[in-house]
Protein backbone atom coordinates (compact mmCIF):
# COMPACT_ATOMS: atom_id res chain seq x y z
CA UNK A 1 0.10 -0.02 -0.15
CA UNK A 2 1.69 3.07 -0.67
CA UNK A 3 1.95 5.89 2.04
CA UNK A 4 0.88 9.67 0.75
CA UNK A 5 2.65 12.53 2.59
CA UNK A 6 -1.08 14.17 2.18
CA UNK A 7 -4.48 12.53 4.05
CA UNK A 8 -8.40 13.46 3.59
CA UNK A 9 -10.41 13.16 6.63
CA UNK A 10 -11.62 9.93 5.73
CA UNK A 11 -7.67 8.62 5.57
CA UNK A 12 -7.15 10.08 9.22
CA UNK A 13 -10.53 8.07 9.99
CA UNK A 14 -9.22 5.28 9.10
CA UNK A 15 -5.37 5.64 10.71
CA UNK A 16 -7.23 6.34 13.97
CA UNK A 17 -10.12 3.77 14.22
CA UNK A 18 -12.53 6.03 14.27
CA UNK A 19 -15.71 6.62 12.12
CA UNK A 20 -15.36 10.63 10.26
CA UNK A 21 -17.64 12.19 12.68
CA UNK A 22 -15.26 12.18 14.81
CA UNK A 23 -12.60 13.57 12.82
CA UNK A 24 -15.24 16.22 11.86
CA UNK A 25 -15.77 17.00 15.64
CA UNK A 26 -11.50 17.18 16.43
CA UNK A 27 -11.50 19.97 13.66
CA UNK A 28 -14.30 21.85 15.41
CA UNK A 29 -13.38 21.30 18.60
CA UNK A 30 -9.50 21.64 18.81
CA UNK A 31 -7.65 24.78 17.41
CA UNK A 32 -4.41 22.91 17.49
CA UNK A 33 -5.45 20.49 14.44
CA UNK A 34 -3.44 20.91 11.37
CA UNK A 35 -4.94 23.23 8.85
CA UNK A 36 -5.43 21.71 5.55
CA UNK A 37 -2.79 21.44 2.75
CA UNK A 38 -4.41 21.50 -0.33
CA UNK A 39 -7.76 19.98 -1.60
CA UNK A 40 -10.90 21.56 -1.99
CA UNK A 41 -13.03 22.81 0.73
CA UNK A 42 -15.66 20.13 0.63
CA UNK A 43 -12.59 17.15 0.87
CA UNK A 44 -9.69 18.96 2.11
CA UNK A 45 -6.10 16.97 2.77
CA UNK A 46 -3.58 17.72 5.51
CA UNK A 47 -0.49 16.97 5.91
CA UNK A 48 0.43 13.22 6.86
CA UNK A 49 2.90 13.45 9.26
CA UNK A 50 1.19 17.14 10.90
CA UNK A 51 -1.73 14.80 11.78
CA UNK A 52 0.29 11.82 12.97
CA UNK A 53 1.95 13.79 15.99
CA UNK A 54 -1.42 15.48 16.45
CA UNK A 55 -2.77 11.88 17.22
CA UNK A 56 0.30 10.60 19.31
CA UNK A 57 -0.14 14.18 21.36
CA UNK A 58 -3.99 13.56 22.12
CA UNK A 59 -3.52 9.80 22.32
CA UNK A 60 -5.96 9.16 19.72
CA UNK A 61 -3.31 7.81 17.33
CA UNK A 62 -4.92 4.02 17.31
CA UNK A 63 -3.21 3.46 13.77
CA UNK A 64 -0.43 5.11 12.88
CA UNK A 65 3.50 3.51 13.01
CA UNK A 66 3.32 5.10 16.76
CA UNK A 67 -0.11 4.10 17.85
CA UNK A 68 0.58 0.32 19.09
CA UNK A 69 2.92 1.80 22.41
CA UNK A 70 0.46 4.20 22.46
CA UNK A 71 -2.12 2.33 22.77
CA UNK A 72 -0.98 -0.26 24.60
CA UNK A 73 -0.07 2.23 27.15
CA UNK A 74 -3.45 3.50 27.98
CA UNK A 75 -4.73 0.13 27.72
CA UNK A 76 -2.23 -0.69 30.60
CA UNK A 77 -3.09 2.33 32.64
CA UNK A 78 -6.57 1.27 32.40
CA UNK A 79 -5.88 -2.29 32.99
CA UNK A 80 -3.60 -1.19 36.37
CA UNK A 81 -6.55 1.40 37.81
CA UNK A 82 -9.34 -1.20 37.30
CA UNK A 83 -7.20 -3.75 39.19
CA UNK A 84 -7.00 -1.31 42.14
CA UNK A 85 -10.72 -0.96 42.11
CA UNK A 86 -12.46 -2.91 45.25
CA UNK A 87 -13.86 -6.25 45.02
CA UNK A 88 -17.57 -5.50 43.81
CA UNK A 89 -20.03 -8.26 43.49
CA UNK A 90 -23.24 -5.70 42.37
CA UNK A 91 -23.25 -2.21 41.85
CA UNK A 92 -22.18 0.93 39.74
CA UNK A 93 -18.89 1.46 38.33
CA UNK A 94 -18.89 4.95 36.51
CA UNK A 95 -16.79 6.71 34.54
CA UNK A 96 -17.44 10.82 34.77
CA UNK A 97 -15.55 11.87 31.84
CA UNK A 98 -15.61 8.26 29.75
CA UNK A 99 -14.57 9.65 26.25
CA UNK A 100 -14.11 6.60 24.16
CA UNK A 101 -15.01 4.12 27.20
CA UNK A 102 -11.93 2.75 27.92
CA UNK A 103 -11.29 2.82 30.84
CA UNK A 104 -14.71 1.50 31.57
CA UNK A 105 -13.51 -1.74 29.37
CA UNK A 106 -10.75 -2.41 31.60
CA UNK A 107 -13.73 -2.37 34.55
CA UNK A 108 -15.35 -5.15 32.57
CA UNK A 109 -12.40 -7.06 31.81
CA UNK A 110 -12.50 -7.57 35.67
CA UNK A 111 -16.65 -7.79 36.79
CA UNK A 112 -17.74 -8.89 33.65
CA UNK A 113 -21.67 -8.83 34.44
CA UNK A 114 -22.35 -8.29 38.19
CA UNK A 115 -21.79 -4.96 38.13
CA UNK A 116 -23.49 -1.71 36.30
CA UNK A 117 -21.32 0.34 34.04
CA UNK A 118 -22.21 4.30 33.48
CA UNK A 119 -20.02 6.41 31.21
CA UNK A 120 -20.67 10.32 30.82
CA UNK A 121 -19.03 12.64 28.89
CA UNK A 122 -18.89 10.04 26.50
CA UNK A 123 -17.33 11.15 22.70
CA UNK A 124 -20.10 10.90 20.76
CA UNK A 125 -18.40 9.26 17.83
CA UNK A 126 -17.60 6.71 20.30
CA UNK A 127 -20.90 5.58 21.98
CA UNK A 128 -21.67 2.73 19.51
CA UNK A 129 -18.20 1.30 19.63
CA UNK A 130 -17.46 1.70 22.95
CA UNK A 131 -21.09 -0.02 23.97
CA UNK A 132 -19.87 -2.96 21.96
CA UNK A 133 -16.66 -3.12 23.72
CA UNK A 134 -18.03 -3.35 26.62
CA UNK A 135 -20.29 -5.96 25.96
CA UNK A 136 -17.65 -7.65 24.48
CA UNK A 137 -15.40 -7.32 27.49
CA UNK A 138 -18.82 -9.14 29.30
CA UNK A 139 -21.02 -6.33 30.41
CA UNK A 140 -24.21 -6.68 30.32
CA UNK A 141 -25.88 -3.28 31.96
CA UNK A 142 -24.35 -0.22 30.23
CA UNK A 143 -25.53 3.31 29.81
CA UNK A 144 -23.65 5.78 28.24
CA UNK A 145 -24.42 9.26 27.23
CA UNK A 146 -22.56 12.87 25.90
CA UNK A 147 -24.07 14.30 29.25
CA UNK A 148 -22.49 14.97 32.70
CA UNK A 149 -22.58 13.64 36.07
CA UNK A 150 -25.07 15.67 38.47
CA UNK A 151 -23.16 17.36 41.25
CA UNK A 152 -22.71 15.36 44.32
CA UNK A 153 -24.79 12.43 43.52
CA UNK A 154 -22.64 10.21 45.68
CA UNK A 155 -24.66 6.98 44.83
CA UNK A 156 -22.01 5.11 43.00
CA UNK A 157 -19.62 1.93 44.38
CA UNK A 158 -16.69 3.17 42.53
CA UNK A 159 -15.28 5.80 40.27
CA UNK A 160 -12.82 4.89 37.52
CA UNK A 161 -11.38 8.19 35.84
CA UNK A 162 -8.21 10.11 33.94
CA UNK A 163 -8.59 13.63 33.97
CA UNK A 164 -10.09 14.59 30.37
CA UNK A 165 -8.05 16.78 28.82
CA UNK A 166 -10.19 19.40 28.25
CA UNK A 167 -12.13 21.16 31.13
CA UNK A 168 -15.33 18.93 31.94
CA UNK A 169 -18.38 21.26 32.77
CA UNK A 170 -18.44 21.34 36.85
CA UNK A 171 -21.91 23.67 36.85
CA UNK A 172 -23.45 23.78 40.25
CA UNK A 173 -20.05 21.85 41.71
CA UNK A 174 -19.97 22.50 45.44
CA UNK A 175 -16.24 22.56 46.21
CA UNK A 176 -15.96 20.40 49.12
CA UNK A 177 -12.16 20.85 49.60
CA UNK A 178 -11.47 23.93 47.61
CA UNK A 179 -12.25 25.42 44.33
CA UNK A 180 -9.50 25.02 41.88
CA UNK A 181 -7.14 27.69 40.41
CA UNK A 182 -7.16 27.69 36.31
CA UNK A 183 -4.14 25.99 36.15
CA UNK A 184 -5.36 23.30 38.95
CA UNK A 185 -8.24 21.78 36.94
CA UNK A 186 -7.47 18.19 37.46
CA UNK A 187 -7.38 18.81 41.34
CA UNK A 188 -10.98 19.91 40.68
CA UNK A 189 -11.73 16.97 38.52
CA UNK A 190 -10.55 14.80 41.38
CA UNK A 191 -13.36 15.91 43.36
CA UNK A 192 -16.41 15.71 41.12
CA UNK A 193 -15.23 12.14 40.77
CA UNK A 194 -15.03 12.26 44.57
CA UNK A 195 -18.48 13.50 44.61
CA UNK A 196 -20.15 10.91 43.16
CA UNK A 197 -19.01 8.09 45.18
CA UNK A 198 -21.61 6.81 48.33
CA UNK A 199 -19.68 6.38 51.62
CA UNK A 200 -17.26 3.11 52.18
CA UNK A 201 -17.19 4.14 48.05
CA UNK A 202 -13.58 4.62 46.05
CA UNK A 203 -12.40 7.00 43.57
CA UNK A 204 -9.70 5.81 41.37
CA UNK A 205 -8.36 8.71 39.17
CA UNK A 206 -5.15 9.50 36.73
CA UNK A 207 -3.98 13.08 37.62
CA UNK A 208 -0.95 14.63 36.10
CA UNK A 209 2.19 14.81 38.46
CA UNK A 210 1.76 18.33 38.48
CA UNK A 211 -1.14 18.01 40.83
CA UNK A 212 1.14 16.44 43.69
CA UNK A 213 3.72 19.57 43.67
CA UNK A 214 2.55 22.76 42.22
CA UNK A 215 2.10 25.38 44.50
CA UNK A 216 -1.33 26.87 43.53
CA UNK A 217 -2.90 23.60 44.59
CA UNK A 218 -1.08 23.40 47.90
CA UNK A 219 -4.22 24.46 49.96
CA UNK A 220 -6.85 21.76 47.99
CA UNK A 221 -3.82 18.48 48.92
CA UNK A 222 -3.92 19.68 52.32
CA UNK A 223 -8.02 19.68 52.78
CA UNK A 224 -7.82 16.01 50.60
CA UNK A 225 -5.40 14.70 53.42
CA UNK A 226 -7.09 16.47 56.77
CA UNK A 227 -10.56 15.51 55.85
CA UNK A 228 -8.70 11.61 55.18
CA UNK A 229 -10.33 10.95 51.81
CA UNK A 230 -7.09 10.74 50.00
CA UNK A 231 -5.70 7.50 50.88
CA UNK A 232 -3.17 6.35 48.21
CA UNK A 233 -0.57 8.40 45.93
CA UNK A 234 0.97 5.97 43.04
CA UNK A 235 3.72 7.26 40.99
CA UNK A 236 3.46 6.44 37.39
CA UNK A 237 6.43 6.02 35.16
CA UNK A 238 6.73 8.76 32.55
CA UNK A 239 5.23 7.27 29.13
CA UNK A 240 2.53 5.00 31.18
CA UNK A 241 -0.21 7.88 30.07
CA UNK A 242 -1.20 9.65 27.03
CA UNK A 243 1.46 12.88 28.07
CA UNK A 244 4.25 13.51 30.69
CA UNK A 245 4.09 11.66 34.05
CA UNK A 246 0.90 11.12 35.49
CA UNK A 247 0.14 9.40 38.79
CA UNK A 248 -3.04 7.29 40.07
CA UNK A 249 -5.07 8.74 43.05
CA UNK A 250 -7.25 6.90 45.46
CA UNK A 251 -10.23 8.75 46.73
CA UNK A 252 -12.57 7.32 49.39
CA UNK A 253 -15.70 8.90 51.45
CA UNK A 254 -14.96 7.45 55.02
CA UNK A 255 -17.78 5.91 56.80
CA UNK A 256 -16.29 6.39 60.10
CA UNK A 257 -13.07 8.02 61.54
CA UNK A 258 -10.46 8.66 58.40
CA UNK A 259 -7.02 6.72 59.01
CA UNK A 260 -5.24 10.00 58.39
CA UNK A 261 -2.78 8.00 56.09
CA UNK A 262 -1.36 8.23 52.72
CA UNK A 263 -0.20 5.15 51.27
CA UNK A 264 3.08 6.60 48.81
CA UNK A 265 3.55 4.38 46.20
CA UNK A 266 6.67 5.27 43.72
CA UNK A 267 6.87 2.85 40.36
CA UNK A 268 8.35 5.71 38.05
CA UNK A 269 11.30 3.81 37.66
CA UNK A 270 9.20 0.83 36.21
CA UNK A 271 8.72 -0.24 32.72
CA UNK A 272 5.25 1.57 31.46
CA UNK A 273 4.54 -2.65 30.14
CA UNK A 274 5.32 -3.89 33.53
CA UNK A 275 1.99 -1.68 36.02
CA UNK A 276 0.99 -4.00 37.82
CA UNK A 277 -2.68 -5.58 36.16
CA UNK A 278 -4.46 -7.66 38.85
CA UNK A 279 -4.98 -7.78 42.74
CA UNK A 280 -2.19 -9.91 43.57
CA UNK A 281 0.12 -7.65 41.71
CA UNK A 282 -0.58 -4.34 43.15
CA UNK A 283 -0.16 -6.66 46.61
CA UNK A 284 3.58 -7.38 46.29
CA UNK A 285 4.10 -3.70 45.15
CA UNK A 286 2.21 -2.83 48.46
CA UNK A 287 4.30 -5.40 50.24
CA UNK A 288 7.64 -4.18 48.73
CA UNK A 289 9.23 -1.41 51.26
CA UNK A 290 11.08 -0.08 48.18
CA UNK A 291 7.81 1.14 46.56
CA UNK A 292 5.90 1.68 49.14
CA UNK A 293 5.26 3.45 52.41
CA UNK A 294 2.57 4.83 54.39
CA UNK A 295 3.15 8.18 55.69
CA UNK A 296 1.21 10.06 57.99
CA UNK A 297 -0.94 12.60 56.94
CA UNK A 298 0.31 15.17 59.66
CA UNK A 299 4.38 14.90 58.07
CA UNK A 300 3.02 16.12 55.13
CA UNK A 301 1.08 19.30 55.69
CA UNK A 302 4.02 21.74 55.55
CA UNK A 303 4.12 24.49 53.86
CA UNK A 304 4.51 22.60 50.33
CA UNK A 305 1.87 19.44 50.92
CA UNK A 306 4.57 17.82 48.57
CA UNK A 307 2.98 14.45 47.50
CA UNK A 308 5.16 12.83 45.32
CA UNK A 309 6.30 9.31 46.63
CA UNK A 310 10.10 8.81 45.55
CA UNK A 311 10.97 11.94 48.22
CA UNK A 312 9.35 9.42 50.72
CA UNK A 313 10.58 6.29 49.89
CA UNK A 314 14.37 5.36 50.55
CA UNK A 315 16.07 2.91 47.87
CA UNK A 316 18.09 0.43 48.71
CA UNK A 317 21.23 1.24 47.06
CA UNK A 318 22.77 -1.43 44.44
CA UNK A 319 26.65 -2.47 43.88
CA UNK A 320 27.22 -1.02 40.58
CA UNK A 321 30.54 -2.16 40.24
CA UNK A 322 30.67 -5.11 37.87
CA UNK A 323 27.64 -2.72 35.98
CA UNK A 324 30.70 -0.13 35.95
CA UNK A 325 33.29 -2.05 34.74
CA UNK A 326 31.41 -3.53 31.60
CA UNK A 327 30.49 0.27 30.50
CA UNK A 328 33.84 1.59 31.29
CA UNK A 329 34.89 -1.59 29.39
CA UNK A 330 32.37 -0.84 26.30
CA UNK A 331 33.67 2.71 26.36
CA UNK A 332 37.02 2.01 25.54
CA UNK A 333 36.27 -0.16 22.95
CA UNK A 334 33.86 2.58 20.97
CA UNK A 335 37.07 5.16 21.28
CA UNK A 336 38.81 2.72 19.50
CA UNK A 337 36.75 1.92 16.47
CA UNK A 338 35.96 5.80 15.48
CA UNK A 339 39.24 6.54 14.40
CA UNK A 340 38.75 3.32 11.55
CA UNK A 341 35.45 4.86 10.28
CA UNK A 342 36.22 8.83 9.78
CA UNK A 343 36.59 9.16 6.32
CA UNK A 344 38.77 11.58 4.56
CA UNK A 345 37.35 14.21 2.10
CA UNK A 346 39.44 15.87 -0.67
CA UNK A 347 38.24 19.21 -1.80
CA UNK A 348 35.86 18.92 -4.68
CA UNK A 349 36.51 20.78 -8.08
CA UNK A 350 33.63 22.58 -8.66
CA UNK A 351 29.89 23.45 -6.67
CA UNK A 352 26.84 21.32 -8.12
CA UNK A 353 24.53 23.33 -10.10
CA UNK A 354 20.81 23.34 -8.70
CA UNK A 355 20.33 23.09 -12.46
CA UNK A 356 21.31 19.53 -12.83
CA UNK A 357 19.10 18.56 -9.85
CA UNK A 358 15.77 16.39 -10.03
CA UNK A 359 12.96 16.13 -7.30
CA UNK A 360 11.84 13.17 -5.46
CA UNK A 361 8.22 14.16 -6.71
CA UNK A 362 9.65 14.06 -10.77
CA UNK A 363 11.50 10.53 -9.01
CA UNK A 364 8.80 9.00 -8.12
CA UNK A 365 6.33 10.23 -11.14
CA UNK A 366 9.59 8.26 -13.14
CA UNK A 367 9.23 5.27 -11.56
CA UNK A 368 13.10 5.63 -10.37
CA UNK A 369 11.58 6.15 -6.41
CA UNK A 370 8.29 3.88 -4.83
CA UNK A 371 6.60 5.13 -2.05
CA UNK A 372 5.84 2.36 0.19
CA UNK A 373 4.28 1.40 3.84
CA UNK A 374 6.46 2.07 6.79
CA UNK A 375 5.81 -1.76 7.85
CA UNK A 376 6.87 -3.03 4.70
CA UNK A 377 10.64 -1.50 4.75
CA UNK A 378 13.41 -4.01 3.55
CA UNK A 379 17.26 -3.97 3.05
CA UNK A 380 17.78 -0.99 0.41
CA UNK A 381 15.14 0.99 1.47
CA UNK A 382 15.41 5.28 2.49
CA UNK A 383 13.87 5.10 6.10
CA UNK A 384 12.67 9.41 6.11
CA UNK A 385 11.92 9.63 9.73
CA UNK A 386 8.84 11.73 10.78
CA UNK A 387 10.53 14.91 12.23
CA UNK A 388 10.90 18.39 12.35
CA UNK A 389 14.10 20.01 11.40
CA UNK A 390 15.05 17.91 8.40
CA UNK A 391 15.39 14.44 6.58
CA UNK A 392 17.47 12.65 8.77
CA UNK A 393 17.08 9.48 6.28
CA UNK A 394 19.28 6.24 6.87
CA UNK A 395 19.09 3.04 4.57
CA UNK A 396 17.70 0.09 6.27
CA UNK A 397 20.34 -2.19 6.25
CA UNK A 398 18.43 -4.95 8.24
CA UNK A 399 14.66 -5.22 9.89
CA UNK A 400 13.31 -1.70 10.86
CA UNK A 401 13.94 -1.88 14.59
CA UNK A 402 10.92 -0.73 16.36
CA UNK A 403 13.00 1.80 18.66
CA UNK A 404 13.30 3.86 14.74
CA UNK A 405 11.34 7.37 15.33
CA UNK A 406 8.13 6.51 13.51
CA UNK A 407 8.17 7.18 9.23
CA UNK A 408 6.80 10.02 7.64
CA UNK A 409 8.19 8.48 4.01
CA UNK A 410 10.03 4.89 3.46
CA UNK A 411 11.54 5.32 -0.06
CA UNK A 412 12.59 2.40 -2.17
CA UNK A 413 15.27 3.13 -5.32
CA UNK A 414 14.81 1.39 -8.72
CA UNK A 415 18.74 -0.48 -8.03
CA UNK A 416 18.77 0.43 -12.40
CA UNK A 417 18.40 4.23 -11.72
CA UNK A 418 19.62 5.23 -8.45
CA UNK A 419 21.29 4.31 -5.51
CA UNK A 420 19.89 4.66 -2.11
CA UNK A 421 23.08 5.68 -0.08
CA UNK A 422 23.24 8.44 -2.84
CA UNK A 423 19.47 9.35 -1.71
CA UNK A 424 20.18 8.98 1.75
CA UNK A 425 22.68 11.52 1.29
CA UNK A 426 21.29 13.95 -0.62
CA UNK A 427 18.15 13.99 1.58
CA UNK A 428 20.08 15.18 4.31
CA UNK A 429 21.75 18.44 2.97
CA UNK A 430 20.95 21.72 4.24
CA UNK A 431 19.47 23.02 1.01
CA UNK A 432 17.02 19.95 0.51
CA UNK A 433 15.93 20.96 4.35
CA UNK A 434 15.48 24.54 3.41
CA UNK A 435 13.49 24.48 0.24
CA UNK A 436 11.44 21.51 1.40
CA UNK A 437 10.24 23.07 4.65
CA UNK A 438 7.36 25.37 4.66
CA UNK A 439 4.59 26.47 7.17
CA UNK A 440 0.71 25.52 6.85
CA UNK A 441 -1.39 26.99 9.44
CA UNK A 442 1.41 27.90 11.61
CA UNK A 443 2.91 24.57 11.96
CA UNK A 444 6.10 23.74 10.41
CA UNK A 445 6.49 20.65 8.12
CA UNK A 446 8.48 18.73 5.44
CA UNK A 447 7.78 17.72 2.17
CA UNK A 448 9.68 14.82 0.81
CA UNK A 449 8.26 15.33 -2.26
CA UNK A 450 10.19 19.09 -2.84
CA UNK A 451 13.67 17.39 -2.08
CA UNK A 452 16.31 17.53 -4.71
CA UNK A 453 19.34 14.90 -5.39
CA UNK A 454 21.33 15.88 -8.55
CA UNK A 455 21.21 13.98 -11.44
CA UNK A 456 24.51 11.99 -12.16
CA UNK A 457 25.21 8.49 -13.66
CA UNK A 458 25.14 5.27 -11.48
CA UNK A 459 28.69 4.78 -11.16
CA UNK A 460 29.12 8.63 -9.95
CA UNK A 461 25.86 7.51 -7.65
CA UNK A 462 27.28 5.09 -5.71
CA UNK A 463 30.72 7.14 -5.51
CA UNK A 464 29.17 9.56 -3.44
CA UNK A 465 27.25 6.84 -1.78
CA UNK A 466 29.48 4.99 -0.44
CA UNK A 467 31.59 8.51 0.98
CA UNK A 468 27.85 8.73 2.68
CA UNK A 469 27.76 5.11 3.92
CA UNK A 470 30.92 5.61 5.55
CA UNK A 471 29.93 9.01 7.05
CA UNK A 472 27.16 7.65 8.35
CA UNK A 473 28.84 4.93 10.01
CA UNK A 474 31.52 7.32 11.49
CA UNK A 475 28.03 8.76 12.59
CA UNK A 476 26.67 5.89 14.28
CA UNK A 477 30.13 5.11 15.85
CA UNK A 478 30.44 8.44 17.14
CA UNK A 479 26.89 8.30 18.57
CA UNK A 480 27.77 4.60 20.30
CA UNK A 481 30.65 6.25 22.15
CA UNK A 482 28.91 9.28 23.59
CA UNK A 483 26.35 6.68 24.41
CA UNK A 484 28.30 4.16 26.72
CA UNK A 485 30.50 7.47 28.11
CA UNK A 486 26.63 8.52 29.39
CA UNK A 487 26.30 5.34 30.80
CA UNK A 488 29.48 4.72 32.49
CA UNK A 489 29.14 8.18 33.82
CA UNK A 490 25.44 7.98 35.09
CA UNK A 491 26.67 4.56 36.84
CA UNK A 492 29.78 5.76 38.72
CA UNK A 493 27.84 8.69 40.28
CA UNK A 494 24.84 6.17 40.99
CA UNK A 495 28.19 4.50 43.03
CA UNK A 496 29.53 7.13 44.51
CA UNK A 497 26.55 8.61 45.76
CA UNK A 498 25.54 5.11 47.26
CA UNK A 499 28.44 4.69 48.71
CA UNK A 500 29.28 1.23 46.73
CA UNK A 501 32.39 3.97 45.45
CA UNK A 502 35.02 6.29 46.85
CA UNK A 503 37.04 8.97 45.82
CA UNK A 504 40.65 8.15 44.88
CA UNK A 505 43.26 8.94 47.16
CA UNK A 506 44.82 11.93 46.36
């Protein structure tokens, strides 16, 4: 399947796994949605790289090359949160801002038909797919709509919710623990969720890390602690949530005297794929003193009310001696390899004339270059990452690595016409960065079709291609040296600060 650099609204819907109505809603509701770059008014086209970046940044990339990890990350977070809910045999699980219903689906995976699943604030384009996903997960009682919950209903056994990316309506809300400021809306959302649960009920809420430390929110954090309603703060790995570091907060409406103890849990150094997904996994985390500490609320009620678990849990020092020795050896070996691949350059006889250049678009039209799907890339193809600032093109010499950045384009050369290293090298030129750059709707973008390479005989291309290949190998070797040096430095500092190492005697 060919990959176009421009896509229609229908293409975007297929990429994101949604209906066309959802794309229309995004364009209307989100001012930062990419502006059209072409096409007629009734069927505009958009830059694929800009669309993929927007989908990824907003956690909606269900079909882009970056989407599996993004979607998987949201799925892991939802299941981790559902596993924190009490073992319900009846009652209601509510998400006051269910969006695409993912949180409720995770709850349904756990409870099946035993409870009723209620969602408010659903994405209109996602109501039917969300209902279908809930039924597939085992739910038999489902109530989803696009409205918002009433203030202070307090009739629900459990709430599971992530702070919505947009401010949710809170008309008539009584701010029991303090009205949030403009920059602290997630603290308001935590109160909205708490207001829905009955005495003894629980709200499991994902909030941005800033809510734990921002000075403007300290009064609300203090009130939550004084009331004994905030019982757990769980620090998450940075990539566990759609954007930035987040936390999971557990809030309850006490039935008797509150415990006035906050359970701090630090999972910030875990792999996002290793979040606990069931009761047993969470029990193991809660019993691990290197992960969890119960902190009396009175200890936290200072002038900062700082709710970052890592600041309250002592990490057991580890012996990094052998690790440092291995990294030091790796660095030395990398340095010794570096001079062997640093190519010498001779001065050229003349400048290359722009009159002799041809665009990538022209090469595509003549068949010298073919745009192929990212997943179909093979050795010898030229991978052009979809990042702003330049065409950092690379030639695939093995199966594409999942660690490589997502590609805006994968170019396949006709070997009888075009050398791939020649193409990749000239794509990286400063001239192409400037020629192919443009702005549409205030968004910087690069159009690979406008990039240019010189017309040369294949034998001359191969001479340039070999020089580019050696330069790229040199760059990779230099990167290996820098990576090894950084890792060795970080490990040595860990050893010195933990007492494993000591400074040399003078």
